[in-house]
Amino acid sequence: MKEINQKETGTLYIVATPIGNLEDITLRAIKILKEVDLIAAEDTRHTLKLLNHLEIAKPLISYHRHNEDIKTDILVKELKQGKQIALVSDAGTPGICDPGEEVIKRCIEEEITVIPIPGPCAFVNALICSGLDTNEFSFMGFLPLNKKNRKEKLEEIRNTTKTIILYEAPHKLETTLKDLKEVIDDRKIVLARELTKIHEEYIRTDMETLIEKAKELKGEMVLIIEGAKKEEDDTLTQLSLEEHYTYYEKKGMSKKEIIKQIAKDRNVNKNEIYQKFIKSS
């Protein structure tokens, strides 16, 4: 049964594709790629390899950062004529540090239906395996190259208490790490590279060691950085455990959440805090 409904105006499908391992393509993504009339691809040569692997033959149109303005007009025109179009990037989810944002905005303005076909996203997978806090995080993509904008972004990283996620190219990694060292020298940092590929690796080490290794590292990079300690942390650790517990209890947190947060504030194993309070439940 076809998922695509033929109607007067077409639909733009935002299709996530594998970030490395081709087996990560979803059944729904394959179905959509088979059913659409046209596939807009960041690099048609790259996408053709995926389509050949899936034994799918479809017309391709190039859609990348340098032709977004012109190709957005073309895609919108095709959609208004009833064409069903899939948008893909080289890897992962279109629109996340990849082309797609402009045509999606335009389609919404023109009241053309946009439907996401979920799948791989590098920064999400890097985060969940980093070992750092996943409750709150800020994805910043690539740091700006402009010195003023870059300095502002680094200051934001210095001050935020949320986990920070960045993308970086191998040839710029060392420079970026040195810039980061000036603002987050004592924080935990994890470098995830080549996710889902043969040489997938998570490097959990100190900043100095990571800088030394930077020149020899290759592949797609994701940096996950621990957030800044909240100003109240120092005050909280001066409290007794009972007072510390009461502080979070008044915030409406569950016992499990409180124990985890106290352990984080005091930089101790949560089992130590657990043993103290769990018997009182």
C-alpha atoms as a PDB file:
ATOM      1  CA  MET A   1       0.000   0.000   0.000  1.00  0.00           C
ATOM      2  CA  LYS A   2       1.377   3.361  -0.989  1.00  0.00           C
ATOM      3  CA  GLU A   3       1.973   5.935   1.753  1.00  0.00           C
ATOM      4  CA  ILE A   4       1.995   8.864  -0.640  1.00  0.00           C
ATOM      5  CA  ASN A   5      -1.395  10.287  -1.479  1.00  0.00           C
ATOM      6  CA  GLN A   6      -1.638  11.867  -4.899  1.00  0.00           C
ATOM      7  CA  LYS A   7      -3.235  15.298  -4.656  1.00  0.00           C
ATOM      8  CA  GLU A   8      -3.263  18.616  -6.466  1.00  0.00           C
ATOM      9  CA  THR A   9      -0.197  19.934  -4.594  1.00  0.00           C
ATOM     10  CA  GLY A  10       2.739  17.661  -3.887  1.00  0.00           C
ATOM     11  CA  THR A  11       4.418  16.946  -0.561  1.00  0.00           C
ATOM     12  CA  LEU A  12       8.023  17.538   0.459  1.00  0.00           C
ATOM     13  CA  TYR A  13       9.400  14.588   2.436  1.00  0.00           C
ATOM     14  CA  ILE A  14      12.452  15.279   4.610  1.00  0.00           C
ATOM     15  CA  VAL A  15      14.182  11.907   4.538  1.00  0.00           C
ATOM     16  CA  ALA A  16      16.953  11.030   6.987  1.00  0.00           C
ATOM     17  CA  THR A  17      19.626   8.741   5.521  1.00  0.00           C
ATOM     18  CA  PRO A  18      22.444   6.705   7.143  1.00  0.00           C
ATOM     19  CA  ILE A  19      25.405   8.557   8.643  1.00  0.00           C
ATOM     20  CA  GLY A  20      27.651   5.586   7.911  1.00  0.00           C
ATOM     21  CA  ASN A  21      26.163   2.124   8.185  1.00  0.00           C
ATOM     22  CA  LEU A  22      23.736   1.642   5.287  1.00  0.00           C
ATOM     23  CA  GLU A  23      21.664  -0.770   7.381  1.00  0.00           C
ATOM     24  CA  ASP A  24      20.440   2.224   9.401  1.00  0.00           C
ATOM     25  CA  ILE A  25      18.044   3.271   6.628  1.00  0.00           C
ATOM     26  CA  THR A  26      14.461   2.868   7.850  1.00  0.00           C
ATOM     27  CA  LEU A  27      11.799   0.832   6.076  1.00  0.00           C
ATOM     28  CA  ARG A  28       9.671   3.959   5.770  1.00  0.00           C
ATOM     29  CA  ALA A  29      12.532   5.923   4.202  1.00  0.00           C
ATOM     30  CA  ILE A  30      13.021   3.195   1.597  1.00  0.00           C
ATOM     31  CA  LYS A  31       9.292   3.188   0.874  1.00  0.00           C
ATOM     32  CA  ILE A  32       9.185   6.974   0.386  1.00  0.00           C
ATOM     33  CA  LEU A  33      12.269   6.997  -1.834  1.00  0.00           C
ATOM     34  CA  LYS A  34      10.615   4.361  -4.022  1.00  0.00           C
ATOM     35  CA  GLU A  35       7.324   6.250  -4.272  1.00  0.00           C
ATOM     36  CA  VAL A  36       8.341   9.881  -4.858  1.00  0.00           C
ATOM     37  CA  ASP A  37       8.647  11.425  -8.303  1.00  0.00           C
ATOM     38  CA  LEU A  38      11.910  13.226  -7.632  1.00  0.00           C
ATOM     39  CA  ILE A  39      14.763  13.183  -5.099  1.00  0.00           C
ATOM     40  CA  ALA A  40      16.569  16.427  -4.206  1.00  0.00           C
ATOM     41  CA  ALA A  41      20.070  15.516  -3.037  1.00  0.00           C
ATOM     42  CA  GLU A  42      22.974  17.463  -1.516  1.00  0.00           C
ATOM     43  CA  ASP A  43      25.367  15.473  -3.722  1.00  0.00           C
ATOM     44  CA  THR A  44      23.670  13.448  -6.438  1.00  0.00           C
ATOM     45  CA  ARG A  45      26.720  11.189  -6.857  1.00  0.00           C
ATOM     46  CA  HIS A  46      26.714  10.306  -3.166  1.00  0.00           C
ATOM     47  CA  THR A  47      22.953   9.695  -3.092  1.00  0.00           C
ATOM     48  CA  LEU A  48      23.146   7.590  -6.249  1.00  0.00           C
ATOM     49  CA  LYS A  49      25.380   5.121  -4.387  1.00  0.00           C
ATOM     50  CA  LEU A  50      22.726   4.752  -1.690  1.00  0.00           C
ATOM     51  CA  LEU A  51      19.942   4.368  -4.244  1.00  0.00           C
ATOM     52  CA  ASN A  52      21.919   1.743  -6.162  1.00  0.00           C
ATOM     53  CA  HIS A  53      22.441  -0.142  -2.905  1.00  0.00           C
ATOM     54  CA  LEU A  54      18.682  -0.043  -2.315  1.00  0.00           C
ATOM     55  CA  GLU A  55      17.954  -0.873  -5.981  1.00  0.00           C
ATOM     56  CA  ILE A  56      15.957   2.321  -6.424  1.00  0.00           C
ATOM     57  CA  ALA A  57      15.967   4.289  -9.675  1.00  0.00           C
ATOM     58  CA  LYS A  58      14.627   7.844  -9.469  1.00  0.00           C
ATOM     59  CA  PRO A  59      15.335  11.217 -11.100  1.00  0.00           C
ATOM     60  CA  LEU A  60      17.777  13.282  -9.022  1.00  0.00           C
ATOM     61  CA  ILE A  61      18.187  17.049  -8.719  1.00  0.00           C
ATOM     62  CA  SER A  62      21.123  18.740  -6.996  1.00  0.00           C
ATOM     63  CA  TYR A  63      20.225  20.804  -3.922  1.00  0.00           C
ATOM     64  CA  HIS A  64      23.137  22.149  -1.858  1.00  0.00           C
ATOM     65  CA  ARG A  65      24.316  25.267   0.012  1.00  0.00           C
ATOM     66  CA  HIS A  66      25.504  27.051  -3.129  1.00  0.00           C
ATOM     67  CA  ASN A  67      22.356  26.640  -5.213  1.00  0.00           C
ATOM     68  CA  GLU A  68      19.604  26.749  -2.576  1.00  0.00           C
ATOM     69  CA  ASP A  69      18.034  29.982  -3.849  1.00  0.00           C
ATOM     70  CA  ILE A  70      17.677  28.820  -7.447  1.00  0.00           C
ATOM     71  CA  LYS A  71      16.791  25.201  -6.689  1.00  0.00           C
ATOM     72  CA  THR A  72      14.254  26.153  -3.993  1.00  0.00           C
ATOM     73  CA  ASP A  73      12.238  27.977  -6.668  1.00  0.00           C
ATOM     74  CA  ILE A  74      12.439  24.927  -8.929  1.00  0.00           C
ATOM     75  CA  LEU A  75      11.386  22.487  -6.206  1.00  0.00           C
ATOM     76  CA  VAL A  76       8.459  24.652  -5.105  1.00  0.00           C
ATOM     77  CA  LYS A  77       7.275  24.918  -8.710  1.00  0.00           C
ATOM     78  CA  GLU A  78       7.431  21.128  -9.110  1.00  0.00           C
ATOM     79  CA  LEU A  79       5.559  20.622  -5.825  1.00  0.00           C
ATOM     80  CA  LYS A  80       2.812  23.039  -6.910  1.00  0.00           C
ATOM     81  CA  GLN A  81       2.406  20.953 -10.049  1.00  0.00           C
ATOM     82  CA  GLY A  82       1.708  17.896  -7.911  1.00  0.00           C
ATOM     83  CA  LYS A  83       5.158  16.298  -7.832  1.00  0.00           C
ATOM     84  CA  GLN A  84       6.069  14.305  -4.713  1.00  0.00           C
ATOM     85  CA  ILE A  85       9.643  15.130  -3.678  1.00  0.00           C
ATOM     86  CA  ALA A  86      12.082  13.610  -1.186  1.00  0.00           C
ATOM     87  CA  LEU A  87      14.850  15.802   0.193  1.00  0.00           C
ATOM     88  CA  VAL A  88      18.034  14.046   1.359  1.00  0.00           C
ATOM     89  CA  SER A  89      21.474  15.201   2.466  1.00  0.00           C
ATOM     90  CA  ASP A  90      24.722  13.262   2.167  1.00  0.00           C
ATOM     91  CA  ALA A  91      24.162  11.748   5.611  1.00  0.00           C
ATOM     92  CA  GLY A  92      21.763  12.149   8.510  1.00  0.00           C
ATOM     93  CA  THR A  93      18.805  14.496   8.733  1.00  0.00           C
ATOM     94  CA  PRO A  94      18.436  17.340   6.175  1.00  0.00           C
ATOM     95  CA  GLY A  95      18.266  20.812   7.707  1.00  0.00           C
ATOM     96  CA  ILE A  96      20.581  19.945  10.613  1.00  0.00           C
ATOM     97  CA  CYS A  97      23.861  21.592   9.510  1.00  0.00           C
ATOM     98  CA  ASP A  98      22.893  20.424   6.028  1.00  0.00           C
ATOM     99  CA  PRO A  99      20.843  21.965   3.184  1.00  0.00           C
ATOM    100  CA  GLY A 100      17.076  21.921   3.624  1.00  0.00           C
ATOM    101  CA  GLU A 101      16.101  24.772   5.894  1.00  0.00           C
ATOM    102  CA  GLU A 102      15.377  27.225   3.077  1.00  0.00           C
ATOM    103  CA  VAL A 103      13.106  24.996   1.002  1.00  0.00           C
ATOM    104  CA  ILE A 104      11.263  23.852   4.142  1.00  0.00           C
ATOM    105  CA  LYS A 105      10.561  27.478   5.147  1.00  0.00           C
ATOM    106  CA  ARG A 106       9.427  28.293   1.620  1.00  0.00           C
ATOM    107  CA  CYS A 107       7.084  25.313   1.477  1.00  0.00           C
ATOM    108  CA  ILE A 108       5.474  26.343   4.755  1.00  0.00           C
ATOM    109  CA  GLU A 109       5.006  29.886   3.414  1.00  0.00           C
ATOM    110  CA  GLU A 110       3.419  28.454   0.248  1.00  0.00           C
ATOM    111  CA  GLU A 111       1.211  26.084   2.312  1.00  0.00           C
ATOM    112  CA  ILE A 112       2.873  23.009   0.838  1.00  0.00           C
ATOM    113  CA  THR A 113       2.852  19.990   3.147  1.00  0.00           C
ATOM    114  CA  VAL A 114       6.200  19.047   4.683  1.00  0.00           C
ATOM    115  CA  ILE A 115       6.547  15.594   6.280  1.00  0.00           C
ATOM    116  CA  PRO A 116       9.605  14.322   8.210  1.00  0.00           C
ATOM    117  CA  ILE A 117      10.786  10.765   7.688  1.00  0.00           C
ATOM    118  CA  PRO A 118      12.820  10.229  10.896  1.00  0.00           C
ATOM    119  CA  GLY A 119      16.147   8.486  11.056  1.00  0.00           C
ATOM    120  CA  PRO A 120      19.845   8.954  11.858  1.00  0.00           C
ATOM    121  CA  CYS A 121      21.210  12.211  13.276  1.00  0.00           C
ATOM    122  CA  ALA A 122      24.892  12.306  14.257  1.00  0.00           C
ATOM    123  CA  PHE A 123      24.701  14.683  17.215  1.00  0.00           C
ATOM    124  CA  VAL A 124      21.874  12.767  18.920  1.00  0.00           C
ATOM    125  CA  ASN A 125      23.741   9.467  18.723  1.00  0.00           C
ATOM    126  CA  ALA A 126      26.972  11.069  19.919  1.00  0.00           C
ATOM    127  CA  LEU A 127      25.180  12.619  22.893  1.00  0.00           C
ATOM    128  CA  ILE A 128      23.447   9.468  24.119  1.00  0.00           C
ATOM    129  CA  CYS A 129      26.741   7.546  24.150  1.00  0.00           C
ATOM    130  CA  SER A 130      28.859  10.367  25.583  1.00  0.00           C
ATOM    131  CA  GLY A 131      28.187   9.698  29.247  1.00  0.00           C
ATOM    132  CA  LEU A 132      27.426  13.402  29.784  1.00  0.00           C
ATOM    133  CA  ASP A 133      24.147  14.957  30.900  1.00  0.00           C
ATOM    134  CA  THR A 134      21.347  14.467  28.353  1.00  0.00           C
ATOM    135  CA  ASN A 135      18.549  16.235  30.270  1.00  0.00           C
ATOM    136  CA  GLU A 136      19.388  19.634  28.815  1.00  0.00           C
ATOM    137  CA  PHE A 137      21.703  20.319  25.913  1.00  0.00           C
ATOM    138  CA  SER A 138      22.492  22.957  23.325  1.00  0.00           C
ATOM    139  CA  PHE A 139      23.401  21.939  19.773  1.00  0.00           C
ATOM    140  CA  MET A 140      25.499  24.683  18.157  1.00  0.00           C
ATOM    141  CA  GLY A 141      26.567  23.016  14.934  1.00  0.00           C
ATOM    142  CA  PHE A 142      29.889  24.369  13.632  1.00  0.00           C
ATOM    143  CA  LEU A 143      31.574  27.281  15.431  1.00  0.00           C
ATOM    144  CA  PRO A 144      31.539  30.482  13.331  1.00  0.00           C
ATOM    145  CA  LEU A 145      34.684  31.371  11.390  1.00  0.00           C
ATOM    146  CA  ASN A 146      34.163  35.103  11.856  1.00  0.00           C
ATOM    147  CA  LYS A 147      36.346  36.142  14.826  1.00  0.00           C
ATOM    148  CA  LYS A 148      33.715  38.317  16.508  1.00  0.00           C
ATOM    149  CA  ASN A 149      30.939  35.752  16.132  1.00  0.00           C
ATOM    150  CA  ARG A 150      33.269  32.957  17.206  1.00  0.00           C
ATOM    151  CA  LYS A 151      34.268  34.830  20.371  1.00  0.00           C
ATOM    152  CA  GLU A 152      30.600  35.397  21.234  1.00  0.00           C
ATOM    153  CA  LYS A 153      29.825  31.709  20.745  1.00  0.00           C
ATOM    154  CA  LEU A 154      32.787  30.669  22.903  1.00  0.00           C
ATOM    155  CA  GLU A 155      31.546  32.994  25.658  1.00  0.00           C
ATOM    156  CA  GLU A 156      28.145  31.345  25.385  1.00  0.00           C
ATOM    157  CA  ILE A 157      29.816  27.952  25.827  1.00  0.00           C
ATOM    158  CA  ARG A 158      31.724  29.271  28.839  1.00  0.00           C
ATOM    159  CA  ASN A 159      28.534  30.409  30.563  1.00  0.00           C
ATOM    160  CA  THR A 160      25.913  27.791  29.697  1.00  0.00           C
ATOM    161  CA  THR A 161      25.146  25.053  32.214  1.00  0.00           C
ATOM    162  CA  LYS A 162      23.739  22.796  29.499  1.00  0.00           C
ATOM    163  CA  THR A 163      25.722  20.101  27.705  1.00  0.00           C
ATOM    164  CA  ILE A 164      27.164  21.600  24.501  1.00  0.00           C
ATOM    165  CA  ILE A 165      27.340  19.735  21.185  1.00  0.00           C
ATOM    166  CA  LEU A 166      29.491  20.872  18.263  1.00  0.00           C
ATOM    167  CA  TYR A 167      30.383  19.549  14.824  1.00  0.00           C
ATOM    168  CA  GLU A 168      33.901  20.013  13.472  1.00  0.00           C
ATOM    169  CA  ALA A 169      35.928  19.086  10.397  1.00  0.00           C
ATOM    170  CA  PRO A 170      39.195  17.136  10.961  1.00  0.00           C
ATOM    171  CA  HIS A 171      41.440  19.870   9.531  1.00  0.00           C
ATOM    172  CA  LYS A 172      39.944  22.473  11.897  1.00  0.00           C
ATOM    173  CA  LEU A 173      39.785  20.273  14.995  1.00  0.00           C
ATOM    174  CA  GLU A 174      43.079  21.323  16.591  1.00  0.00           C
ATOM    175  CA  THR A 175      42.314  25.037  16.268  1.00  0.00           C
ATOM    176  CA  THR A 176      38.826  24.583  17.676  1.00  0.00           C
ATOM    177  CA  LEU A 177      40.100  22.548  20.633  1.00  0.00           C
ATOM    178  CA  LYS A 178      42.694  25.208  21.458  1.00  0.00           C
ATOM    179  CA  ASP A 179      40.002  27.895  21.366  1.00  0.00           C
ATOM    180  CA  LEU A 180      37.776  25.782  23.603  1.00  0.00           C
ATOM    181  CA  LYS A 181      40.611  25.100  26.052  1.00  0.00           C
ATOM    182  CA  GLU A 182      40.725  28.787  26.893  1.00  0.00           C
ATOM    183  CA  VAL A 183      37.108  28.708  28.099  1.00  0.00           C
ATOM    184  CA  ILE A 184      36.484  25.128  29.342  1.00  0.00           C
ATOM    185  CA  ASP A 185      39.868  23.809  30.423  1.00  0.00           C
ATOM    186  CA  ASP A 186      38.582  21.867  33.439  1.00  0.00           C
ATOM    187  CA  ARG A 187      35.377  20.418  31.985  1.00  0.00           C
ATOM    188  CA  LYS A 188      34.688  16.934  30.672  1.00  0.00           C
ATOM    189  CA  ILE A 189      34.802  16.609  26.891  1.00  0.00           C
ATOM    190  CA  VAL A 190      34.058  13.682  24.602  1.00  0.00           C
ATOM    191  CA  LEU A 191      35.001  13.413  20.940  1.00  0.00           C
ATOM    192  CA  ALA A 192      32.862  11.012  18.914  1.00  0.00           C
ATOM    193  CA  ARG A 193      34.042  10.209  15.404  1.00  0.00           C
ATOM    194  CA  GLU A 194      33.052   8.011  12.479  1.00  0.00           C
ATOM    195  CA  LEU A 195      29.720   7.099  14.097  1.00  0.00           C
ATOM    196  CA  THR A 196      28.201   3.803  12.869  1.00  0.00           C
ATOM    197  CA  LYS A 197      31.274   3.156  10.693  1.00  0.00           C
ATOM    198  CA  ILE A 198      34.046   0.560  11.060  1.00  0.00           C
ATOM    199  CA  HIS A 199      36.341   2.941  12.945  1.00  0.00           C
ATOM    200  CA  GLU A 200      33.674   4.385  15.271  1.00  0.00           C
ATOM    201  CA  GLU A 201      35.380   5.807  18.357  1.00  0.00           C
ATOM    202  CA  TYR A 202      34.611   7.755  21.523  1.00  0.00           C
ATOM    203  CA  ILE A 203      37.571   9.573  23.042  1.00  0.00           C
ATOM    204  CA  ARG A 204      36.947  10.500  26.669  1.00  0.00           C
ATOM    205  CA  THR A 205      40.027  12.295  27.932  1.00  0.00           C
ATOM    206  CA  ASP A 206      41.374  15.664  29.068  1.00  0.00           C
ATOM    207  CA  MET A 207      41.623  18.622  26.713  1.00  0.00           C
ATOM    208  CA  GLU A 208      45.431  18.644  26.538  1.00  0.00           C
ATOM    209  CA  THR A 209      45.582  15.005  25.430  1.00  0.00           C
ATOM    210  CA  LEU A 210      42.830  15.563  22.894  1.00  0.00           C
ATOM    211  CA  ILE A 211      44.718  18.502  21.380  1.00  0.00           C
ATOM    212  CA  GLU A 212      47.834  16.343  21.048  1.00  0.00           C
ATOM    213  CA  LYS A 213      45.844  13.629  19.227  1.00  0.00           C
ATOM    214  CA  ALA A 214      43.919  16.053  16.985  1.00  0.00           C
ATOM    215  CA  LYS A 215      46.275  16.012  13.997  1.00  0.00           C
ATOM    216  CA  GLU A 216      46.060  12.238  13.618  1.00  0.00           C
ATOM    217  CA  LEU A 217      42.271  12.008  13.876  1.00  0.00           C
ATOM    218  CA  LYS A 218      40.178  11.694  10.723  1.00  0.00           C
ATOM    219  CA  GLY A 219      36.522  11.368   9.767  1.00  0.00           C
ATOM    220  CA  GLU A 220      33.298  13.031  10.870  1.00  0.00           C
ATOM    221  CA  MET A 221      33.659  14.652  14.317  1.00  0.00           C
ATOM    222  CA  VAL A 222      31.206  15.482  17.097  1.00  0.00           C
ATOM    223  CA  LEU A 223      32.339  17.228  20.291  1.00  0.00           C
ATOM    224  CA  ILE A 224      30.238  16.882  23.454  1.00  0.00           C
ATOM    225  CA  ILE A 225      31.179  19.264  26.256  1.00  0.00           C
ATOM    226  CA  GLU A 226      30.066  19.269  29.869  1.00  0.00           C
ATOM    227  CA  GLY A 227      28.069  22.339  30.875  1.00  0.00           C
ATOM    228  CA  ALA A 228      29.381  24.908  33.347  1.00  0.00           C
ATOM    229  CA  LYS A 229      28.713  24.266  37.015  1.00  0.00           C
ATOM    230  CA  LYS A 230      25.752  26.249  38.295  1.00  0.00           C
ATOM    231  CA  GLU A 231      26.698  29.063  40.658  1.00  0.00           C
ATOM    232  CA  GLU A 232      24.527  27.539  43.341  1.00  0.00           C
ATOM    233  CA  ASP A 233      26.516  24.279  43.313  1.00  0.00           C
ATOM    234  CA  ASP A 234      29.190  25.573  45.732  1.00  0.00           C
ATOM    235  CA  THR A 235      26.527  26.782  48.141  1.00  0.00           C
ATOM    236  CA  LEU A 236      24.627  23.505  47.972  1.00  0.00           C
ATOM    237  CA  THR A 237      27.659  21.404  48.830  1.00  0.00           C
ATOM    238  CA  GLN A 238      28.011  23.363  52.063  1.00  0.00           C
ATOM    239  CA  LEU A 239      24.621  22.026  53.172  1.00  0.00           C
ATOM    240  CA  SER A 240      24.158  18.788  55.068  1.00  0.00           C
ATOM    241  CA  LEU A 241      22.878  15.898  52.953  1.00  0.00           C
ATOM    242  CA  GLU A 242      19.439  16.264  54.554  1.00  0.00           C
ATOM    243  CA  GLU A 243      19.306  19.989  53.744  1.00  0.00           C
ATOM    244  CA  HIS A 244      20.591  19.314  50.230  1.00  0.00           C
ATOM    245  CA  TYR A 245      17.834  16.721  49.756  1.00  0.00           C
ATOM    246  CA  THR A 246      15.154  19.085  51.088  1.00  0.00           C
ATOM    247  CA  TYR A 247      16.326  21.814  48.678  1.00  0.00           C
ATOM    248  CA  TYR A 248      15.515  19.671  45.657  1.00  0.00           C
ATOM    249  CA  GLU A 249      12.441  18.114  47.229  1.00  0.00           C
ATOM    250  CA  LYS A 250      10.900  21.584  47.442  1.00  0.00           C
ATOM    251  CA  LYS A 251      11.496  21.915  43.696  1.00  0.00           C
ATOM    252  CA  GLY A 252       9.168  18.947  43.154  1.00  0.00           C
ATOM    253  CA  MET A 253      11.843  16.477  42.069  1.00  0.00           C
ATOM    254  CA  SER A 254      11.401  12.737  42.625  1.00  0.00           C
ATOM    255  CA  LYS A 255      13.633  10.841  45.064  1.00  0.00           C
ATOM    256  CA  LYS A 256      15.516   9.213  42.162  1.00  0.00           C
ATOM    257  CA  GLU A 257      16.106  12.581  40.490  1.00  0.00           C
ATOM    258  CA  ILE A 258      17.233  14.154  43.772  1.00  0.00           C
ATOM    259  CA  ILE A 259      19.762  11.411  44.510  1.00  0.00           C
ATOM    260  CA  LYS A 260      21.206  11.709  41.007  1.00  0.00           C
ATOM    261  CA  GLN A 261      21.474  15.510  41.256  1.00  0.00           C
ATOM    262  CA  ILE A 262      23.038  15.493  44.736  1.00  0.00           C
ATOM    263  CA  ALA A 263      25.657  13.021  43.526  1.00  0.00           C
ATOM    264  CA  LYS A 264      26.401  15.292  40.572  1.00  0.00           C
ATOM    265  CA  ASP A 265      26.623  18.413  42.776  1.00  0.00           C
ATOM    266  CA  ARG A 266      29.021  16.711  45.184  1.00  0.00           C
ATOM    267  CA  ASN A 267      30.914  14.816  42.497  1.00  0.00           C
ATOM    268  CA  VAL A 268      30.424  11.458  44.210  1.00  0.00           C
ATOM    269  CA  ASN A 269      28.993   8.089  43.171  1.00  0.00           C
ATOM    270  CA  LYS A 270      25.209   8.198  43.345  1.00  0.00           C
ATOM    271  CA  ASN A 271      25.228   4.872  45.225  1.00  0.00           C
ATOM    272  CA  GLU A 272      26.705   6.686  48.214  1.00  0.00           C
ATOM    273  CA  ILE A 273      23.761   9.084  48.276  1.00  0.00           C
ATOM    274  CA  TYR A 274      21.339   6.275  47.453  1.00  0.00           C
ATOM    275  CA  GLN A 275      22.397   4.248  50.512  1.00  0.00           C
ATOM    276  CA  LYS A 276      21.866   7.314  52.700  1.00  0.00           C
ATOM    277  CA  PHE A 277      18.296   8.039  51.653  1.00  0.00           C
ATOM    278  CA  ILE A 278      16.697   4.961  50.076  1.00  0.00           C
ATOM    279  CA  LYS A 279      16.027   3.285  53.435  1.00  0.00           C
ATOM    280  CA  SER A 280      13.847   6.194  54.454  1.00  0.00           C
ATOM    281  CA  SER A 281      11.390   5.566  51.625  1.00  0.00           C
END
